[in-house]
Amino acid sequence: MMDAANLTAASREREANTPERSRPQRWRVVRASVQGTSHSRTGQPCQDSSSVGEDAPDRMLVAAVADGAGSAELSAAGSRIAACAATQRAVRLLRLHVQPYYEGVLEEILKGAVRHARKELEGEARRQNKPLREFATTLIVAICAPEITGAAQIGDGAMVTADKRMPQDAEDGDYTLFSAPQRGEYANTTNFITSSGWQDSLHMRTRRGGVSRLAMFTDGIQAIALNAASDNAPHAPFFDPLFRWADKQEDAGVASSSLAAFLSSPRVTARADDDLTLLLALLR
């Protein structure tokens, strides 16, 4: 009888010898959050966060990004709690349902993930004896399954998807603005999951059919990634080279550091002084 170590080695050997087309597809994720130049000048920390759901079902991606409010004392903690809580709950709920998932089921899972994030923020506010508004943060949660894609969003930032498998095949117009930035009640404001009317601000979208590429980002990147003059259409010259680059990365740690360096480079900070978070995911 083979022990666990030998079984693992044998499994890896079988996968290495399996033709590429017949190997199970997996999501490759590269993500980074960096402090904005405006926050650097004022001594504020980076208040953005991202999270990827661990142990998601095969060929599925669960991810979230969150942008803490610059005026809130504990928004860095708020964004981290919201993103992590949402992905953890989404994975748990996905495993309770039998695939394939349908629109109604996926919407309930997304709602459950957002509700859990709100509940965790409320609990942390009580533990620290702080007003909930001090943890103010936006939240975008994405679930990508082979048969269906869904997103839940409160606040600004956006989610962009593409259907073709290989990044080098991308063409102008190949990207879809799957979940769009929200505006608040007043100019230059947005919505937060910590607000009293957060449920009214929750935008949901599901679409039959899987995607092979996904980008999620906070509002600091919107001016670069989206064309405001064309109803926030995704800017293909921004995404094409990034996905081609991400497709070649083998070491997640090195890739994350390289992406952070790009987000901190003058070519980006010349057009964006807020905190920046970008999450790239490819199905390979």
Protein backbone atom coordinates (compact mmCIF):
# COMPACT_ATOMS: atom_id res chain seq x y z
CA MET A 1 0.00 0.00 0.00
CA MET A 2 1.32 3.48 -0.90
CA ASP A 3 1.60 6.02 1.89
CA ALA A 4 0.29 9.61 1.60
CA ALA A 5 3.61 11.03 0.41
CA ASN A 6 3.91 8.47 -2.36
CA LEU A 7 0.30 9.04 -3.41
CA THR A 8 0.95 12.78 -3.65
CA ALA A 9 4.11 12.20 -5.69
CA ALA A 10 2.28 9.79 -7.97
CA SER A 11 -0.54 12.28 -8.46
CA ARG A 12 1.91 15.02 -9.41
CA GLU A 13 3.68 12.71 -11.83
CA ARG A 14 0.38 11.79 -13.51
CA GLU A 15 -0.52 15.47 -13.87
CA ALA A 16 2.89 16.29 -15.32
CA ASN A 17 2.48 13.52 -17.90
CA THR A 18 -1.10 14.44 -18.77
CA PRO A 19 -1.55 16.27 -22.08
CA GLU A 20 -2.21 19.96 -21.45
CA ARG A 21 -5.66 19.93 -23.06
CA SER A 22 -6.89 17.16 -20.77
CA ARG A 23 -5.57 18.66 -17.52
CA PRO A 24 -8.17 20.18 -15.18
CA GLN A 25 -8.34 23.95 -15.61
CA ARG A 26 -7.26 26.08 -12.69
CA TRP A 27 -7.38 29.77 -11.91
CA ARG A 28 -4.11 31.66 -11.70
CA VAL A 29 -4.39 34.83 -9.60
CA VAL A 30 -1.98 37.74 -9.33
CA ARG A 31 -2.95 40.57 -6.98
CA ALA A 32 -1.44 43.53 -5.20
CA SER A 33 -2.45 46.55 -3.11
CA VAL A 34 -0.22 49.60 -2.77
CA GLN A 35 -0.33 52.83 -0.82
CA GLY A 36 -1.36 55.85 -2.87
CA THR A 37 0.92 58.85 -3.14
CA SER A 38 -1.67 61.03 -1.40
CA HIS A 39 -1.72 58.64 1.55
CA SER A 40 2.06 58.55 1.59
CA ARG A 41 2.18 62.33 1.93
CA THR A 42 -0.30 62.35 4.82
CA GLY A 43 1.07 59.27 6.57
CA GLN A 44 -2.07 57.19 6.04
CA PRO A 45 -1.66 53.44 5.48
CA CYS A 46 -2.94 51.62 2.45
CA GLN A 47 -6.67 51.13 3.08
CA ASP A 48 -7.32 48.71 0.21
CA SER A 49 -7.56 44.93 0.51
CA SER A 50 -8.17 41.87 -1.62
CA SER A 51 -8.90 38.22 -0.88
CA VAL A 52 -9.16 34.92 -2.77
CA GLY A 53 -11.30 32.12 -1.40
CA GLU A 54 -9.23 29.12 -0.39
CA ASP A 55 -10.51 25.61 -1.16
CA ALA A 56 -13.09 26.77 -3.69
CA PRO A 57 -14.64 23.93 -5.72
CA ASP A 58 -12.69 22.80 -8.79
CA ARG A 59 -12.50 25.26 -11.70
CA MET A 60 -14.10 27.95 -9.57
CA LEU A 61 -12.82 31.35 -8.51
CA VAL A 62 -13.99 33.32 -5.48
CA ALA A 63 -12.41 36.74 -5.05
CA ALA A 64 -13.06 40.11 -3.45
CA VAL A 65 -11.60 43.61 -3.35
CA ALA A 66 -12.41 46.35 -0.86
CA ASP A 67 -11.52 50.02 -0.56
CA GLY A 68 -11.56 51.58 2.90
CA ALA A 69 -12.81 55.15 3.23
CA GLY A 70 -9.95 57.61 3.60
CA SER A 71 -11.83 59.55 6.28
CA ALA A 72 -12.53 56.52 8.49
CA GLU A 73 -10.09 55.76 11.30
CA LEU A 74 -10.17 51.96 10.97
CA SER A 75 -11.02 51.55 7.31
CA ALA A 76 -7.86 49.55 6.59
CA ALA A 77 -9.11 46.92 9.04
CA GLY A 78 -12.60 47.30 7.63
CA SER A 79 -11.55 46.53 4.06
CA ARG A 80 -9.50 43.53 5.18
CA ILE A 81 -12.32 42.11 7.30
CA ALA A 82 -14.94 42.62 4.59
CA ALA A 83 -12.90 41.04 1.78
CA CYS A 84 -11.79 38.02 3.80
CA ALA A 85 -15.18 37.39 5.41
CA ALA A 86 -16.96 37.57 2.07
CA THR A 87 -14.70 35.07 0.29
CA GLN A 88 -14.69 32.65 3.20
CA ARG A 89 -18.47 32.61 3.43
CA ALA A 90 -18.91 32.36 -0.35
CA VAL A 91 -16.70 29.26 -0.51
CA ARG A 92 -18.59 27.67 2.38
CA LEU A 93 -21.97 28.34 0.74
CA LEU A 94 -20.79 27.08 -2.65
CA ARG A 95 -19.84 23.76 -1.10
CA LEU A 96 -23.34 23.37 0.34
CA HIS A 97 -24.93 23.42 -3.13
CA VAL A 98 -24.77 20.84 -5.90
CA GLN A 99 -23.36 22.03 -9.22
CA PRO A 100 -24.32 23.37 -11.70
CA TYR A 101 -25.33 26.61 -10.05
CA TYR A 102 -28.26 28.66 -11.33
CA GLU A 103 -28.86 32.40 -11.27
CA GLY A 104 -31.07 32.37 -8.18
CA VAL A 105 -28.68 30.13 -6.27
CA LEU A 106 -25.63 32.21 -7.15
CA GLU A 107 -27.40 35.42 -6.16
CA GLU A 108 -28.27 33.97 -2.76
CA ILE A 109 -24.66 32.88 -2.26
CA LEU A 110 -23.38 36.34 -3.16
CA LYS A 111 -25.92 38.00 -0.86
CA GLY A 112 -24.97 35.61 1.92
CA ALA A 113 -21.30 36.51 1.47
CA VAL A 114 -22.01 40.25 1.67
CA ARG A 115 -24.31 39.85 4.66
CA HIS A 116 -21.61 37.88 6.46
CA ALA A 117 -19.06 40.61 5.72
CA ARG A 118 -21.40 43.22 7.19
CA LYS A 119 -21.99 41.03 10.27
CA GLU A 120 -18.25 40.59 10.83
CA LEU A 121 -17.72 44.35 10.61
CA GLU A 122 -20.49 44.93 13.14
CA GLY A 123 -18.89 42.40 15.47
CA GLU A 124 -15.46 44.01 15.19
CA ALA A 125 -16.97 47.44 15.90
CA ARG A 126 -18.54 46.08 19.08
CA ARG A 127 -15.31 44.38 20.15
CA GLN A 128 -13.35 47.60 19.75
CA ASN A 129 -16.18 49.78 21.07
CA LYS A 130 -16.00 51.94 17.96
CA PRO A 131 -18.71 53.32 15.67
CA LEU A 132 -19.30 51.11 12.66
CA ARG A 133 -18.65 54.07 10.34
CA GLU A 134 -14.97 54.01 11.38
CA PHE A 135 -14.66 50.71 9.48
CA ALA A 136 -16.23 52.15 6.30
CA THR A 137 -15.33 50.24 3.14
CA THR A 138 -16.59 49.34 -0.30
CA LEU A 139 -16.82 45.70 -1.38
CA ILE A 140 -16.88 43.76 -4.64
CA VAL A 141 -17.30 39.96 -4.54
CA ALA A 142 -16.90 37.74 -7.61
CA ILE A 143 -17.76 34.10 -8.22
CA CYS A 144 -16.71 32.45 -11.48
CA ALA A 145 -17.93 28.92 -12.20
CA PRO A 146 -17.69 27.00 -15.49
CA GLU A 147 -21.36 27.59 -16.27
CA ILE A 148 -22.06 30.96 -14.67
CA THR A 149 -20.44 34.17 -13.43
CA GLY A 150 -21.70 36.52 -10.74
CA ALA A 151 -20.75 39.64 -8.80
CA ALA A 152 -22.05 41.66 -5.88
CA GLN A 153 -20.92 45.25 -5.38
CA ILE A 154 -21.36 48.10 -2.93
CA GLY A 155 -19.43 51.26 -3.82
CA ASP A 156 -16.93 52.22 -6.48
CA GLY A 157 -14.26 50.12 -8.17
CA ALA A 158 -15.17 47.65 -10.91
CA MET A 159 -14.96 44.13 -12.29
CA VAL A 160 -14.00 43.40 -15.90
CA THR A 161 -14.24 40.00 -17.62
CA ALA A 162 -13.30 38.39 -20.94
CA ASP A 163 -14.49 35.13 -22.48
CA LYS A 164 -11.60 33.99 -24.64
CA ARG A 165 -9.22 31.59 -22.99
CA MET A 166 -5.82 32.85 -24.05
CA PRO A 167 -4.78 36.44 -23.26
CA GLN A 168 -2.82 36.74 -26.51
CA ASP A 169 -6.12 36.31 -28.39
CA ALA A 170 -7.63 39.45 -26.84
CA GLU A 171 -8.81 42.17 -29.16
CA ASP A 172 -10.25 45.64 -28.63
CA GLY A 173 -13.79 45.29 -27.37
CA ASP A 174 -13.16 41.77 -26.05
CA TYR A 175 -13.62 42.93 -22.45
CA THR A 176 -16.90 43.40 -20.61
CA LEU A 177 -17.57 45.77 -17.73
CA PHE A 178 -19.28 43.13 -15.62
CA SER A 179 -19.81 45.24 -12.50
CA ALA A 180 -19.66 49.03 -12.75
CA PRO A 181 -18.57 51.74 -10.30
CA GLN A 182 -21.29 53.21 -8.11
CA ARG A 183 -21.73 56.86 -7.26
CA GLY A 184 -22.94 58.10 -3.91
CA GLU A 185 -25.77 60.51 -3.25
CA TYR A 186 -23.46 63.49 -3.67
CA ALA A 187 -20.61 64.31 -6.07
CA ASN A 188 -17.30 62.53 -5.38
CA THR A 189 -18.91 60.19 -2.84
CA THR A 190 -19.62 56.48 -2.93
CA ASN A 191 -21.52 53.83 -0.99
CA PHE A 192 -20.16 51.73 1.86
CA ILE A 193 -21.17 48.39 3.31
CA THR A 194 -21.09 50.04 6.74
CA SER A 195 -23.81 52.57 5.82
CA SER A 196 -27.34 52.25 7.20
CA GLY A 197 -28.77 51.85 3.69
CA TRP A 198 -26.18 49.35 2.52
CA GLN A 199 -28.76 46.83 1.29
CA ASP A 200 -30.27 49.41 -1.06
CA SER A 201 -26.80 50.00 -2.52
CA LEU A 202 -26.10 46.31 -3.16
CA HIS A 203 -25.88 45.68 -6.92
CA MET A 204 -26.05 42.09 -8.15
CA ARG A 205 -25.34 40.63 -11.55
CA THR A 206 -25.22 37.05 -12.79
CA ARG A 207 -24.69 35.81 -16.33
CA ARG A 208 -24.85 32.34 -17.79
CA GLY A 209 -21.56 31.18 -19.27
CA GLY A 210 -18.11 31.11 -17.79
CA VAL A 211 -15.26 33.56 -18.27
CA SER A 212 -11.56 32.91 -18.65
CA ARG A 213 -10.14 36.25 -17.51
CA LEU A 214 -11.16 38.58 -14.73
CA ALA A 215 -9.86 41.86 -13.36
CA MET A 216 -11.09 43.48 -10.15
CA PHE A 217 -9.84 46.85 -8.96
CA THR A 218 -10.53 49.71 -6.60
CA ASP A 219 -11.40 53.21 -7.76
CA GLY A 220 -7.79 54.40 -7.85
CA ILE A 221 -7.34 52.51 -11.13
CA GLN A 222 -10.65 53.46 -12.74
CA ALA A 223 -9.25 56.42 -14.67
CA ILE A 224 -6.62 54.18 -16.25
CA ALA A 225 -8.61 50.98 -16.76
CA LEU A 226 -11.95 52.42 -17.87
CA ASN A 227 -12.85 54.97 -20.54
CA ALA A 228 -15.18 57.46 -18.84
CA ALA A 229 -16.01 59.08 -22.18
CA SER A 230 -17.37 55.74 -23.47
CA ASP A 231 -19.61 54.84 -20.55
CA ASN A 232 -16.71 53.28 -18.62
CA ALA A 233 -15.83 50.81 -21.36
CA PRO A 234 -12.77 48.70 -20.42
CA HIS A 235 -9.56 50.05 -21.94
CA ALA A 236 -8.08 47.08 -23.82
CA PRO A 237 -4.55 48.57 -24.14
CA PHE A 238 -4.39 48.57 -20.34
CA PHE A 239 -5.59 45.00 -19.86
CA ASP A 240 -3.99 43.19 -22.83
CA PRO A 241 -0.34 43.44 -21.71
CA LEU A 242 -1.23 42.79 -18.08
CA PHE A 243 -3.02 39.52 -18.88
CA ARG A 244 -0.25 38.43 -21.25
CA TRP A 245 2.26 39.10 -18.49
CA ALA A 246 0.19 37.35 -15.80
CA ASP A 247 -0.18 34.28 -18.00
CA LYS A 248 3.59 33.80 -17.95
CA GLN A 249 4.05 34.07 -14.19
CA GLU A 250 4.89 30.90 -12.27
CA ASP A 251 5.80 32.23 -8.82
CA ALA A 252 2.85 33.93 -7.10
CA GLY A 253 5.03 35.85 -4.65
CA VAL A 254 7.32 37.24 -7.33
CA ALA A 255 4.34 38.11 -9.53
CA SER A 256 2.63 39.97 -6.70
CA SER A 257 5.77 41.99 -6.00
CA SER A 258 6.14 42.81 -9.70
CA LEU A 259 2.51 43.92 -9.93
CA ALA A 260 2.94 46.10 -6.84
CA ALA A 261 6.00 47.69 -8.43
CA PHE A 262 3.99 48.44 -11.57
CA LEU A 263 1.18 50.02 -9.55
CA SER A 264 3.73 52.17 -7.71
CA SER A 265 5.55 53.23 -10.89
CA PRO A 266 5.41 56.84 -12.18
CA ARG A 267 3.47 55.79 -15.28
CA VAL A 268 0.58 54.82 -12.95
CA THR A 269 0.96 57.29 -10.07
CA ALA A 270 1.08 60.19 -12.53
CA ARG A 271 -2.62 59.51 -13.14
CA ALA A 272 -3.67 58.06 -9.78
CA ASP A 273 -2.77 59.24 -6.28
CA ASP A 274 -5.23 57.07 -4.31
CA ASP A 275 -4.53 53.60 -2.93
CA LEU A 276 -4.46 51.04 -5.73
CA THR A 277 -5.60 47.43 -5.79
CA LEU A 278 -5.61 45.21 -8.85
CA LEU A 279 -6.51 41.52 -8.97
CA LEU A 280 -5.93 39.59 -12.21
CA ALA A 281 -7.20 36.05 -12.69
CA LEU A 282 -6.82 33.66 -15.64
CA LEU A 283 -8.33 30.22 -16.19
CA ARG A 284 -5.57 27.98 -17.53
